[in-house]
Amino acid sequence: MPTGKDSTHKSDFSAGYTFYFGMKMKLSVILRFVIIGALWLGACIYMVNRMIASGIELTLMNLFPIAASGVIIFVPLYKKYVRNGRQ
Protein backbone atom coordinates (compact mmCIF):
# COMPACT_ATOMS: atom_id res chain seq x y z
CA MET A 1 0.00 0.00 0.00
CA PRO A 2 1.44 3.37 -0.94
CA THR A 3 2.33 5.81 1.78
CA GLY A 4 3.04 9.50 1.77
CA LYS A 5 1.22 12.69 0.85
CA ASP A 6 0.03 11.54 -2.57
CA SER A 7 -1.52 8.19 -1.54
CA THR A 8 -5.24 7.78 -2.12
CA HIS A 9 -7.24 5.22 -0.15
CA LYS A 10 -10.79 5.95 -1.31
CA SER A 11 -12.73 6.52 -4.48
CA ASP A 12 -12.45 9.97 -5.99
CA PHE A 13 -14.54 10.45 -9.11
CA SER A 14 -13.68 14.12 -9.57
CA ALA A 15 -10.05 13.67 -10.63
CA GLY A 16 -9.94 11.49 -13.74
CA TYR A 17 -11.75 8.36 -12.59
CA THR A 18 -9.47 7.49 -9.69
CA PHE A 19 -10.40 4.25 -7.99
CA TYR A 20 -8.86 2.05 -5.30
CA PHE A 21 -5.38 3.07 -4.14
CA GLY A 22 -4.93 5.71 -6.80
CA MET A 23 -5.59 3.41 -9.78
CA LYS A 24 -6.93 5.31 -12.78
CA MET A 25 -9.15 3.65 -15.36
CA LYS A 26 -9.18 5.04 -18.87
CA LEU A 27 -12.45 6.20 -20.31
CA SER A 28 -12.18 3.51 -22.99
CA VAL A 29 -12.08 0.76 -20.33
CA ILE A 30 -15.11 2.20 -18.56
CA LEU A 31 -17.00 2.44 -21.85
CA ARG A 32 -16.04 -1.16 -22.65
CA PHE A 33 -17.50 -2.32 -19.33
CA VAL A 34 -20.67 -0.29 -19.90
CA ILE A 35 -21.21 -1.51 -23.48
CA ILE A 36 -20.55 -5.16 -22.68
CA GLY A 37 -22.72 -4.88 -19.57
CA ALA A 38 -25.58 -3.34 -21.55
CA LEU A 39 -25.36 -6.05 -24.22
CA TRP A 40 -25.28 -8.79 -21.59
CA LEU A 41 -28.20 -7.26 -19.69
CA GLY A 42 -30.21 -6.96 -22.92
CA ALA A 43 -29.55 -10.60 -23.76
CA CYS A 44 -30.60 -11.64 -20.23
CA ILE A 45 -33.81 -9.61 -20.41
CA TYR A 46 -34.56 -11.11 -23.81
CA MET A 47 -34.03 -14.67 -22.49
CA VAL A 48 -36.22 -14.13 -19.45
CA ASN A 49 -38.96 -12.51 -21.54
CA ARG A 50 -38.89 -15.45 -23.98
CA MET A 51 -39.14 -17.91 -21.08
CA ILE A 52 -42.13 -16.04 -19.64
CA ALA A 53 -43.81 -15.72 -23.05
CA SER A 54 -43.48 -19.43 -23.77
CA GLY A 55 -44.84 -20.36 -20.35
CA ILE A 56 -41.66 -21.79 -18.91
CA GLU A 57 -41.59 -21.56 -15.13
CA LEU A 58 -38.72 -19.42 -13.82
CA THR A 59 -36.68 -21.65 -11.53
CA LEU A 60 -33.12 -21.61 -10.31
CA MET A 61 -32.31 -24.27 -12.89
CA ASN A 62 -33.50 -21.97 -15.68
CA LEU A 63 -31.87 -18.81 -14.31
CA PHE A 64 -28.50 -20.38 -13.48
CA PRO A 65 -27.15 -20.08 -17.08
CA ILE A 66 -27.83 -16.34 -16.95
CA ALA A 67 -25.83 -15.96 -13.74
CA ALA A 68 -23.08 -18.24 -15.06
CA SER A 69 -22.82 -16.19 -18.26
CA GLY A 70 -22.32 -13.06 -16.17
CA VAL A 71 -19.44 -14.71 -14.34
CA ILE A 72 -17.93 -15.96 -17.59
CA ILE A 73 -18.10 -12.50 -19.14
CA PHE A 74 -17.22 -10.14 -16.29
CA VAL A 75 -14.60 -12.03 -14.24
CA PRO A 76 -12.00 -12.08 -17.04
CA LEU A 77 -12.68 -8.41 -17.78
CA TYR A 78 -12.24 -7.56 -14.10
CA LYS A 79 -9.02 -9.53 -13.91
CA LYS A 80 -7.61 -7.94 -17.05
CA TYR A 81 -8.51 -4.30 -16.54
CA VAL A 82 -9.04 -3.75 -12.81
CA ARG A 83 -6.91 -6.20 -10.85
CA ASN A 84 -3.93 -6.18 -13.23
CA GLY A 85 -4.14 -2.39 -13.48
CA ARG A 86 -2.99 -2.10 -9.85
CA GLN A 87 0.28 -3.94 -10.43
PDB file of N, CA and C in Angstrom:
ATOM      1  N   MET A   1       0.852  -1.175   0.000  1.00  0.00           N
ATOM      2  CA  MET A   1       0.000   0.000   0.000  1.00  0.00           C
ATOM      3  C   MET A   1       0.892   1.229   0.000  1.00  0.00           C
ATOM      4  N   PRO A   2       0.597   2.181  -0.871  1.00  0.00           N
ATOM      5  CA  PRO A   2       1.439   3.374  -0.943  1.00  0.00           C
ATOM      6  C   PRO A   2       1.280   4.244   0.295  1.00  0.00           C
ATOM      7  N   THR A   3       2.368   4.893   0.643  1.00  0.00           N
ATOM      8  CA  THR A   3       2.335   5.810   1.782  1.00  0.00           C
ATOM      9  C   THR A   3       2.858   7.157   1.335  1.00  0.00           C
ATOM     10  N   GLY A   4       2.565   8.167   2.096  1.00  0.00           N
ATOM     11  CA  GLY A   4       3.043   9.501   1.766  1.00  0.00           C
ATOM     12  C   GLY A   4       1.894  10.448   1.512  1.00  0.00           C
ATOM     13  N   LYS A   5       2.240  11.664   1.065  1.00  0.00           N
ATOM     14  CA  LYS A   5       1.224  12.685   0.850  1.00  0.00           C
ATOM     15  C   LYS A   5       0.306  12.372  -0.320  1.00  0.00           C
ATOM     16  N   ASP A   6       0.823  11.727  -1.361  1.00  0.00           N
ATOM     17  CA  ASP A   6       0.035  11.543  -2.566  1.00  0.00           C
ATOM     18  C   ASP A   6      -0.753  10.237  -2.597  1.00  0.00           C
ATOM     19  N   SER A   7      -0.793   9.461  -1.521  1.00  0.00           N
ATOM     20  CA  SER A   7      -1.524   8.193  -1.541  1.00  0.00           C
ATOM     21  C   SER A   7      -3.017   8.442  -1.397  1.00  0.00           C
ATOM     22  N   THR A   8      -3.798   7.665  -2.140  1.00  0.00           N
ATOM     23  CA  THR A   8      -5.244   7.777  -2.124  1.00  0.00           C
ATOM     24  C   THR A   8      -5.818   6.449  -1.683  1.00  0.00           C
ATOM     25  N   HIS A   9      -6.684   6.462  -0.672  1.00  0.00           N
ATOM     26  CA  HIS A   9      -7.240   5.224  -0.149  1.00  0.00           C
ATOM     27  C   HIS A   9      -8.736   5.131  -0.337  1.00  0.00           C
ATOM     28  N   LYS A  10      -9.355   6.003  -1.085  1.00  0.00           N
ATOM     29  CA  LYS A  10     -10.787   5.949  -1.310  1.00  0.00           C
ATOM     30  C   LYS A  10     -11.087   6.371  -2.738  1.00  0.00           C
ATOM     31  N   SER A  11     -12.323   6.153  -3.136  1.00  0.00           N
ATOM     32  CA  SER A  11     -12.733   6.520  -4.484  1.00  0.00           C
ATOM     33  C   SER A  11     -12.847   8.025  -4.611  1.00  0.00           C
ATOM     34  N   ASP A  12     -12.357   8.550  -5.722  1.00  0.00           N
ATOM     35  CA  ASP A  12     -12.450   9.974  -5.989  1.00  0.00           C
ATOM     36  C   ASP A  12     -12.807  10.137  -7.464  1.00  0.00           C
ATOM     37  N   PHE A  13     -14.085  10.387  -7.741  1.00  0.00           N
ATOM     38  CA  PHE A  13     -14.537  10.446  -9.113  1.00  0.00           C
ATOM     39  C   PHE A  13     -14.278  11.797  -9.758  1.00  0.00           C
ATOM     40  N   SER A  14     -13.854  12.787  -9.005  1.00  0.00           N
ATOM     41  CA  SER A  14     -13.677  14.116  -9.572  1.00  0.00           C
ATOM     42  C   SER A  14     -12.366  14.255 -10.338  1.00  0.00           C
ATOM     43  N   ALA A  15     -11.379  13.468 -10.023  1.00  0.00           N
ATOM     44  CA  ALA A  15     -10.052  13.666 -10.627  1.00  0.00           C
ATOM     45  C   ALA A  15      -9.707  12.515 -11.566  1.00  0.00           C
ATOM     46  N   GLY A  16     -10.346  12.446 -12.711  1.00  0.00           N
ATOM     47  CA  GLY A  16      -9.941  11.495 -13.744  1.00  0.00           C
ATOM     48  C   GLY A  16     -10.213  10.049 -13.426  1.00  0.00           C
ATOM     49  N   TYR A  17     -11.351   9.728 -12.856  1.00  0.00           N
ATOM     50  CA  TYR A  17     -11.750   8.355 -12.593  1.00  0.00           C
ATOM     51  C   TYR A  17     -10.735   7.611 -11.743  1.00  0.00           C
ATOM     52  N   THR A  18     -10.397   8.138 -10.603  1.00  0.00           N
ATOM     53  CA  THR A  18      -9.469   7.491  -9.687  1.00  0.00           C
ATOM     54  C   THR A  18     -10.239   6.501  -8.833  1.00  0.00           C
ATOM     55  N   PHE A  19      -9.745   5.274  -8.762  1.00  0.00           N
ATOM     56  CA  PHE A  19     -10.403   4.246  -7.987  1.00  0.00           C
ATOM     57  C   PHE A  19      -9.485   3.791  -6.869  1.00  0.00           C
ATOM     58  N   TYR A  20      -9.567   2.556  -6.460  1.00  0.00           N
ATOM     59  CA  TYR A  20      -8.864   2.046  -5.296  1.00  0.00           C
ATOM     60  C   TYR A  20      -7.365   2.305  -5.370  1.00  0.00           C
ATOM     61  N   PHE A  21      -6.810   2.846  -4.321  1.00  0.00           N
ATOM     62  CA  PHE A  21      -5.380   3.066  -4.140  1.00  0.00           C
ATOM     63  C   PHE A  21      -4.759   3.864  -5.283  1.00  0.00           C
ATOM     64  N   GLY A  22      -5.471   4.827  -5.796  1.00  0.00           N
ATOM     65  CA  GLY A  22      -4.925   5.711  -6.804  1.00  0.00           C
ATOM     66  C   GLY A  22      -4.925   5.158  -8.213  1.00  0.00           C
ATOM     67  N   MET A  23      -5.545   3.987  -8.450  1.00  0.00           N
ATOM     68  CA  MET A  23      -5.585   3.410  -9.780  1.00  0.00           C
ATOM     69  C   MET A  23      -6.524   4.228 -10.660  1.00  0.00           C
ATOM     70  N   LYS A  24      -6.094   4.553 -11.851  1.00  0.00           N
ATOM     71  CA  LYS A  24      -6.935   5.305 -12.781  1.00  0.00           C
ATOM     72  C   LYS A  24      -7.347   4.383 -13.912  1.00  0.00           C
ATOM     73  N   MET A  25      -8.638   4.414 -14.233  1.00  0.00           N
ATOM     74  CA  MET A  25      -9.152   3.654 -15.362  1.00  0.00           C
ATOM     75  C   MET A  25      -9.374   4.617 -16.513  1.00  0.00           C
ATOM     76  N   LYS A  26      -8.965   4.211 -17.687  1.00  0.00           N
ATOM     77  CA  LYS A  26      -9.181   5.036 -18.870  1.00  0.00           C
ATOM     78  C   LYS A  26     -10.662   5.043 -19.220  1.00  0.00           C
ATOM     79  N   LEU A  27     -11.066   6.078 -19.885  1.00  0.00           N
ATOM     80  CA  LEU A  27     -12.451   6.197 -20.312  1.00  0.00           C
ATOM     81  C   LEU A  27     -12.830   5.053 -21.246  1.00  0.00           C
ATOM     82  N   SER A  28     -11.894   4.604 -22.063  1.00  0.00           N
ATOM     83  CA  SER A  28     -12.180   3.508 -22.989  1.00  0.00           C
ATOM     84  C   SER A  28     -12.487   2.213 -22.243  1.00  0.00           C
ATOM     85  N   VAL A  29     -11.821   1.968 -21.130  1.00  0.00           N
ATOM     86  CA  VAL A  29     -12.083   0.764 -20.332  1.00  0.00           C
ATOM     87  C   VAL A  29     -13.452   0.862 -19.682  1.00  0.00           C
ATOM     88  N   ILE A  30     -13.795   2.020 -19.181  1.00  0.00           N
ATOM     89  CA  ILE A  30     -15.105   2.204 -18.561  1.00  0.00           C
ATOM     90  C   ILE A  30     -16.203   2.024 -19.602  1.00  0.00           C
ATOM     91  N   LEU A  31     -16.016   2.606 -20.783  1.00  0.00           N
ATOM     92  CA  LEU A  31     -17.002   2.436 -21.846  1.00  0.00           C
ATOM     93  C   LEU A  31     -17.125   0.981 -22.274  1.00  0.00           C
ATOM     94  N   ARG A  32     -16.018   0.262 -22.298  1.00  0.00           N
ATOM     95  CA  ARG A  32     -16.035  -1.157 -22.648  1.00  0.00           C
ATOM     96  C   ARG A  32     -16.881  -1.932 -21.647  1.00  0.00           C
ATOM     97  N   PHE A  33     -16.693  -1.664 -20.354  1.00  0.00           N
ATOM     98  CA  PHE A  33     -17.500  -2.321 -19.330  1.00  0.00           C
ATOM     99  C   PHE A  33     -18.974  -1.979 -19.499  1.00  0.00           C
ATOM    100  N   VAL A  34     -19.278  -0.726 -19.767  1.00  0.00           N
ATOM    101  CA  VAL A  34     -20.671  -0.290 -19.902  1.00  0.00           C
ATOM    102  C   VAL A  34     -21.325  -0.926 -21.122  1.00  0.00           C
ATOM    103  N   ILE A  35     -20.632  -0.938 -22.259  1.00  0.00           N
ATOM    104  CA  ILE A  35     -21.211  -1.507 -23.483  1.00  0.00           C
ATOM    105  C   ILE A  35     -21.414  -3.008 -23.345  1.00  0.00           C
ATOM    106  N   ILE A  36     -20.420  -3.712 -22.850  1.00  0.00           N
ATOM    107  CA  ILE A  36     -20.549  -5.158 -22.682  1.00  0.00           C
ATOM    108  C   ILE A  36     -21.625  -5.471 -21.645  1.00  0.00           C
ATOM    109  N   GLY A  37     -21.679  -4.681 -20.582  1.00  0.00           N
ATOM    110  CA  GLY A  37     -22.717  -4.882 -19.573  1.00  0.00           C
ATOM    111  C   GLY A  37     -24.110  -4.648 -20.124  1.00  0.00           C
ATOM    112  N   ALA A  38     -24.266  -3.613 -20.961  1.00  0.00           N
ATOM    113  CA  ALA A  38     -25.578  -3.336 -21.553  1.00  0.00           C
ATOM    114  C   ALA A  38     -25.990  -4.444 -22.521  1.00  0.00           C
ATOM    115  N   LEU A  39     -25.047  -4.939 -23.316  1.00  0.00           N
ATOM    116  CA  LEU A  39     -25.360  -6.049 -24.223  1.00  0.00           C
ATOM    117  C   LEU A  39     -25.737  -7.309 -23.454  1.00  0.00           C
ATOM    118  N   TRP A  40     -24.984  -7.607 -22.397  1.00  0.00           N
ATOM    119  CA  TRP A  40     -25.280  -8.788 -21.585  1.00  0.00           C
ATOM    120  C   TRP A  40     -26.641  -8.652 -20.903  1.00  0.00           C
ATOM    121  N   LEU A  41     -26.921  -7.488 -20.348  1.00  0.00           N
ATOM    122  CA  LEU A  41     -28.201  -7.264 -19.690  1.00  0.00           C
ATOM    123  C   LEU A  41     -29.357  -7.374 -20.681  1.00  0.00           C
ATOM    124  N   GLY A  42     -29.183  -6.831 -21.884  1.00  0.00           N
ATOM    125  CA  GLY A  42     -30.210  -6.956 -22.915  1.00  0.00           C
ATOM    126  C   GLY A  42     -30.467  -8.404 -23.296  1.00  0.00           C
ATOM    127  N   ALA A  43     -29.394  -9.187 -23.432  1.00  0.00           N
ATOM    128  CA  ALA A  43     -29.553 -10.605 -23.755  1.00  0.00           C
ATOM    129  C   ALA A  43     -30.264 -11.345 -22.623  1.00  0.00           C
ATOM    130  N   CYS A  44     -29.944 -10.992 -21.380  1.00  0.00           N
ATOM    131  CA  CYS A  44     -30.605 -11.636 -20.233  1.00  0.00           C
ATOM    132  C   CYS A  44     -32.083 -11.287 -20.187  1.00  0.00           C
ATOM    133  N   ILE A  45     -32.404 -10.031 -20.412  1.00  0.00           N
ATOM    134  CA  ILE A  45     -33.805  -9.610 -20.409  1.00  0.00           C
ATOM    135  C   ILE A  45     -34.556 -10.313 -21.535  1.00  0.00           C
ATOM    136  N   TYR A  46     -33.940 -10.413 -22.695  1.00  0.00           N
ATOM    137  CA  TYR A  46     -34.564 -11.113 -23.813  1.00  0.00           C
ATOM    138  C   TYR A  46     -34.829 -12.576 -23.455  1.00  0.00           C
ATOM    139  N   MET A  47     -33.847 -13.260 -22.861  1.00  0.00           N
ATOM    140  CA  MET A  47     -34.027 -14.673 -22.490  1.00  0.00           C
ATOM    141  C   MET A  47     -35.151 -14.853 -21.485  1.00  0.00           C
ATOM    142  N   VAL A  48     -35.182 -14.010 -20.469  1.00  0.00           N
ATOM    143  CA  VAL A  48     -36.220 -14.128 -19.445  1.00  0.00           C
ATOM    144  C   VAL A  48     -37.593 -13.837 -20.045  1.00  0.00           C
ATOM    145  N   ASN A  49     -37.685 -12.817 -20.897  1.00  0.00           N
ATOM    146  CA  ASN A  49     -38.964 -12.514 -21.539  1.00  0.00           C
ATOM    147  C   ASN A  49     -39.435 -13.656 -22.423  1.00  0.00           C
ATOM    148  N   ARG A  50     -38.521 -14.297 -23.143  1.00  0.00           N
ATOM    149  CA  ARG A  50     -38.886 -15.446 -23.976  1.00  0.00           C
ATOM    150  C   ARG A  50     -39.344 -16.617 -23.119  1.00  0.00           C
ATOM    151  N   MET A  51     -38.708 -16.832 -21.972  1.00  0.00           N
ATOM    152  CA  MET A  51     -39.143 -17.911 -21.078  1.00  0.00           C
ATOM    153  C   MET A  51     -40.548 -17.642 -20.549  1.00  0.00           C
ATOM    154  N   ILE A  52     -40.806 -16.403 -20.158  1.00  0.00           N
ATOM    155  CA  ILE A  52     -42.125 -16.039 -19.639  1.00  0.00           C
ATOM    156  C   ILE A  52     -43.177 -16.158 -20.738  1.00  0.00           C
ATOM    157  N   ALA A  53     -42.848 -15.690 -21.948  1.00  0.00           N
ATOM    158  CA  ALA A  53     -43.807 -15.723 -23.051  1.00  0.00           C
ATOM    159  C   ALA A  53     -44.156 -17.151 -23.467  1.00  0.00           C
ATOM    160  N   SER A  54     -43.206 -18.046 -23.369  1.00  0.00           N
ATOM    161  CA  SER A  54     -43.475 -19.427 -23.771  1.00  0.00           C
ATOM    162  C   SER A  54     -44.034 -20.264 -22.630  1.00  0.00           C
ATOM    163  N   GLY A  55     -44.216 -19.656 -21.466  1.00  0.00           N
ATOM    164  CA  GLY A  55     -44.842 -20.363 -20.349  1.00  0.00           C
ATOM    165  C   GLY A  55     -43.904 -21.215 -19.518  1.00  0.00           C
ATOM    166  N   ILE A  56     -42.624 -21.038 -19.699  1.00  0.00           N
ATOM    167  CA  ILE A  56     -41.657 -21.794 -18.905  1.00  0.00           C
ATOM    168  C   ILE A  56     -41.592 -21.178 -17.518  1.00  0.00           C
ATOM    169  N   GLU A  57     -41.661 -22.023 -16.513  1.00  0.00           N
ATOM    170  CA  GLU A  57     -41.589 -21.559 -15.132  1.00  0.00           C
ATOM    171  C   GLU A  57     -40.169 -21.094 -14.823  1.00  0.00           C
ATOM    172  N   LEU A  58     -40.034 -19.938 -14.176  1.00  0.00           N
ATOM    173  CA  LEU A  58     -38.717 -19.418 -13.821  1.00  0.00           C
ATOM    174  C   LEU A  58     -38.243 -20.089 -12.534  1.00  0.00           C
ATOM    175  N   THR A  59     -37.256 -20.949 -12.677  1.00  0.00           N
ATOM    176  CA  THR A  59     -36.681 -21.647 -11.531  1.00  0.00           C
ATOM    177  C   THR A  59     -35.184 -21.357 -11.492  1.00  0.00           C
ATOM    178  N   LEU A  60     -34.569 -21.783 -10.432  1.00  0.00           N
ATOM    179  CA  LEU A  60     -33.124 -21.606 -10.314  1.00  0.00           C
ATOM    180  C   LEU A  60     -32.396 -22.342 -11.424  1.00  0.00           C
ATOM    181  N   MET A  61     -32.922 -23.488 -11.816  1.00  0.00           N
ATOM    182  CA  MET A  61     -32.307 -24.273 -12.885  1.00  0.00           C
ATOM    183  C   MET A  61     -32.349 -23.513 -14.217  1.00  0.00           C
ATOM    184  N   ASN A  62     -33.403 -22.744 -14.446  1.00  0.00           N
ATOM    185  CA  ASN A  62     -33.505 -21.971 -15.679  1.00  0.00           C
ATOM    186  C   ASN A  62     -32.723 -20.673 -15.618  1.00  0.00           C
ATOM    187  N   LEU A  63     -32.563 -20.094 -14.445  1.00  0.00           N
ATOM    188  CA  LEU A  63     -31.867 -18.811 -14.310  1.00  0.00           C
ATOM    189  C   LEU A  63     -30.364 -18.961 -14.065  1.00  0.00           C
ATOM    190  N   PHE A  64     -29.920 -20.156 -13.737  1.00  0.00           N
ATOM    191  CA  PHE A  64     -28.500 -20.376 -13.485  1.00  0.00           C
ATOM    192  C   PHE A  64     -27.622 -20.058 -14.700  1.00  0.00           C
ATOM    193  N   PRO A  65     -28.005 -20.445 -15.932  1.00  0.00           N
ATOM    194  CA  PRO A  65     -27.154 -20.083 -17.078  1.00  0.00           C
ATOM    195  C   PRO A  65     -26.969 -18.576 -17.256  1.00  0.00           C
ATOM    196  N   ILE A  66     -27.964 -17.798 -16.862  1.00  0.00           N
ATOM    197  CA  ILE A  66     -27.827 -16.343 -16.954  1.00  0.00           C
ATOM    198  C   ILE A  66     -26.772 -15.849 -15.974  1.00  0.00           C
ATOM    199  N   ALA A  67     -26.834 -16.342 -14.741  1.00  0.00           N
ATOM    200  CA  ALA A  67     -25.833 -15.957 -13.738  1.00  0.00           C
ATOM    201  C   ALA A  67     -24.446 -16.459 -14.137  1.00  0.00           C
ATOM    202  N   ALA A  68     -24.370 -17.683 -14.647  1.00  0.00           N
ATOM    203  CA  ALA A  68     -23.079 -18.237 -15.061  1.00  0.00           C
ATOM    204  C   ALA A  68     -22.486 -17.445 -16.220  1.00  0.00           C
ATOM    205  N   SER A  69     -23.342 -16.983 -17.136  1.00  0.00           N
ATOM    206  CA  SER A  69     -22.821 -16.195 -18.260  1.00  0.00           C
ATOM    207  C   SER A  69     -22.252 -14.867 -17.768  1.00  0.00           C
ATOM    208  N   GLY A  70     -22.857 -14.289 -16.747  1.00  0.00           N
ATOM    209  CA  GLY A  70     -22.317 -13.060 -16.174  1.00  0.00           C
ATOM    210  C   GLY A  70     -20.936 -13.275 -15.588  1.00  0.00           C
ATOM    211  N   VAL A  71     -20.758 -14.394 -14.905  1.00  0.00           N
ATOM    212  CA  VAL A  71     -19.440 -14.713 -14.336  1.00  0.00           C
ATOM    213  C   VAL A  71     -18.430 -14.940 -15.451  1.00  0.00           C
ATOM    214  N   ILE A  72     -18.844 -15.664 -16.482  1.00  0.00           N
ATOM    215  CA  ILE A  72     -17.930 -15.964 -17.587  1.00  0.00           C
ATOM    216  C   ILE A  72     -17.513 -14.687 -18.321  1.00  0.00           C
ATOM    217  N   ILE A  73     -18.405 -13.733 -18.408  1.00  0.00           N
ATOM    218  CA  ILE A  73     -18.103 -12.499 -19.144  1.00  0.00           C
ATOM    219  C   ILE A  73     -17.324 -11.504 -18.295  1.00  0.00           C
ATOM    220  N   PHE A  74     -17.762 -11.269 -17.055  1.00  0.00           N
ATOM    221  CA  PHE A  74     -17.222 -10.145 -16.290  1.00  0.00           C
ATOM    222  C   PHE A  74     -15.991 -10.471 -15.445  1.00  0.00           C
ATOM    223  N   VAL A  75     -15.799 -11.704 -15.037  1.00  0.00           N
ATOM    224  CA  VAL A  75     -14.603 -12.030 -14.235  1.00  0.00           C
ATOM    225  C   VAL A  75     -13.317 -11.846 -15.045  1.00  0.00           C
ATOM    226  N   PRO A  76     -13.234 -12.349 -16.279  1.00  0.00           N
ATOM    227  CA  PRO A  76     -12.000 -12.082 -17.040  1.00  0.00           C
ATOM    228  C   PRO A  76     -11.766 -10.592 -17.321  1.00  0.00           C
ATOM    229  N   LEU A  77     -12.841  -9.847 -17.572  1.00  0.00           N
ATOM    230  CA  LEU A  77     -12.684  -8.408 -17.779  1.00  0.00           C
ATOM    231  C   LEU A  77     -12.154  -7.732 -16.520  1.00  0.00           C
ATOM    232  N   TYR A  78     -12.703  -8.123 -15.366  1.00  0.00           N
ATOM    233  CA  TYR A  78     -12.244  -7.557 -14.101  1.00  0.00           C
ATOM    234  C   TYR A  78     -10.771  -7.879 -13.883  1.00  0.00           C
ATOM    235  N   LYS A  79     -10.408  -9.138 -14.121  1.00  0.00           N
ATOM    236  CA  LYS A  79      -9.016  -9.534 -13.906  1.00  0.00           C
ATOM    237  C   LYS A  79      -8.069  -8.794 -14.841  1.00  0.00           C
ATOM    238  N   LYS A  80      -8.491  -8.584 -16.081  1.00  0.00           N
ATOM    239  CA  LYS A  80      -7.605  -7.943 -17.051  1.00  0.00           C
ATOM    240  C   LYS A  80      -7.457  -6.446 -16.807  1.00  0.00           C
ATOM    241  N   TYR A  81      -8.556  -5.759 -16.554  1.00  0.00           N
ATOM    242  CA  TYR A  81      -8.514  -4.299 -16.537  1.00  0.00           C
ATOM    243  C   TYR A  81      -8.460  -3.688 -15.136  1.00  0.00           C
ATOM    244  N   VAL A  82      -8.997  -4.360 -14.142  1.00  0.00           N
ATOM    245  CA  VAL A  82      -9.041  -3.749 -12.808  1.00  0.00           C
ATOM    246  C   VAL A  82      -7.939  -4.318 -11.938  1.00  0.00           C
ATOM    247  N   ARG A  83      -7.891  -5.615 -11.757  1.00  0.00           N
ATOM    248  CA  ARG A  83      -6.911  -6.197 -10.855  1.00  0.00           C
ATOM    249  C   ARG A  83      -5.495  -6.047 -11.389  1.00  0.00           C
ATOM    250  N   ASN A  84      -5.275  -6.304 -12.668  1.00  0.00           N
ATOM    251  CA  ASN A  84      -3.929  -6.176 -13.229  1.00  0.00           C
ATOM    252  C   ASN A  84      -3.512  -4.716 -13.403  1.00  0.00           C
ATOM    253  N   GLY A  85      -4.465  -3.810 -13.381  1.00  0.00           N
ATOM    254  CA  GLY A  85      -4.144  -2.389 -13.481  1.00  0.00           C
ATOM    255  C   GLY A  85      -3.464  -1.853 -12.238  1.00  0.00           C
ATOM    256  N   ARG A  86      -3.611  -2.542 -11.118  1.00  0.00           N
ATOM    257  CA  ARG A  86      -2.986  -2.103  -9.853  1.00  0.00           C
ATOM    258  C   ARG A  86      -1.529  -2.475  -9.764  1.00  0.00           C
ATOM    259  N   GLN A  87      -1.087  -3.442 -10.553  1.00  0.00           N
ATOM    260  CA  GLN A  87       0.279  -3.940 -10.425  1.00  0.00           C
ATOM    261  C   GLN A  87       1.271  -3.047 -11.101  1.00  0.00           C
TER     262      GLN A  87
END
